[in-house]
Amino acid sequence: MSKSWDINDKRFIQIGLKIAYYRKLNEMTQDQLAERIYSMFRLTSFWNLIRTNQKNSSITISFYKKL
């Protein structure tokens, strides 16, 4: 049984190949890339929390101390 490929399948494959290319170009392992993405996500989430809670600075300060 053959799988029919649509444009989205090919697009995801292209994206995956580009990610692998640039990861290898920067001499990163998959684990290193995952760690970098995770830390960027955490930092972004942290700054969004600060921005949305500017009126309540005690929450922001206590959250910051936990990091």
Protein backbone atom coordinates (compact mmCIF):
# COMPACT_ATOMS: atom_id res chain seq x y z
CA MET A 1 0.00 0.00 0.00
CA SER A 2 1.61 3.24 -1.09
CA LYS A 3 1.15 6.49 0.71
CA SER A 4 -0.06 9.44 -1.27
CA TRP A 5 2.09 12.50 -0.60
CA ASP A 6 0.52 15.89 -0.42
CA ILE A 7 2.18 19.31 -0.38
CA ASN A 8 2.18 19.50 3.44
CA ASP A 9 4.10 16.23 3.81
CA LYS A 10 6.80 17.49 1.47
CA ARG A 11 6.91 20.84 3.28
CA PHE A 12 7.48 19.15 6.67
CA ILE A 13 10.26 17.04 5.18
CA GLN A 14 11.92 20.19 3.77
CA ILE A 15 11.69 21.93 7.14
CA GLY A 16 13.21 18.91 8.91
CA LEU A 17 16.07 18.74 6.42
CA LYS A 18 16.80 22.45 6.87
CA ILE A 19 16.83 22.09 10.65
CA ALA A 20 19.24 19.16 10.39
CA TYR A 21 21.46 21.07 7.93
CA TYR A 22 21.82 24.16 10.13
CA ARG A 23 22.18 22.07 13.30
CA LYS A 24 25.07 20.16 11.76
CA LEU A 25 26.54 23.34 10.29
CA ASN A 26 26.75 24.70 13.86
CA GLU A 27 28.17 21.36 15.08
CA MET A 28 25.27 20.76 17.46
CA THR A 29 23.79 17.47 18.53
CA GLN A 30 20.04 16.97 18.63
CA ASP A 31 20.19 17.17 22.43
CA GLN A 32 22.06 20.48 22.32
CA LEU A 33 19.52 21.92 19.89
CA ALA A 34 16.66 20.72 22.10
CA GLU A 35 18.27 22.31 25.16
CA ARG A 36 18.75 25.61 23.34
CA ILE A 37 15.15 25.65 22.13
CA TYR A 38 13.89 24.77 25.61
CA SER A 39 15.90 27.56 27.26
CA MET A 40 14.68 30.06 24.67
CA PHE A 41 11.11 28.94 25.35
CA ARG A 42 11.60 29.34 29.11
CA LEU A 43 13.12 32.80 28.71
CA THR A 44 10.31 33.90 26.40
CA SER A 45 7.72 32.57 28.85
CA PHE A 46 9.46 34.37 31.71
CA TRP A 47 9.46 37.73 29.91
CA ASN A 48 5.82 37.29 28.89
CA LEU A 49 4.95 36.64 32.52
CA ILE A 50 6.75 39.81 33.59
CA ARG A 51 5.07 41.85 30.89
CA THR A 52 1.58 40.63 31.74
CA ASN A 53 2.05 41.01 35.51
CA GLN A 54 3.63 44.46 35.59
CA LYS A 55 0.92 45.75 37.94
CA ASN A 56 1.66 43.05 40.50
CA SER A 57 5.43 43.31 40.94
CA SER A 58 5.54 41.00 43.98
CA ILE A 59 4.51 38.04 41.83
CA THR A 60 7.15 38.92 39.24
CA ILE A 61 9.93 39.32 41.82
CA SER A 62 9.10 36.09 43.63
CA PHE A 63 8.98 34.20 40.32
CA TYR A 64 12.33 35.67 39.31
CA LYS A 65 13.98 34.56 42.55
CA LYS A 66 12.91 30.96 41.92
CA LEU A 67 14.80 30.86 38.62
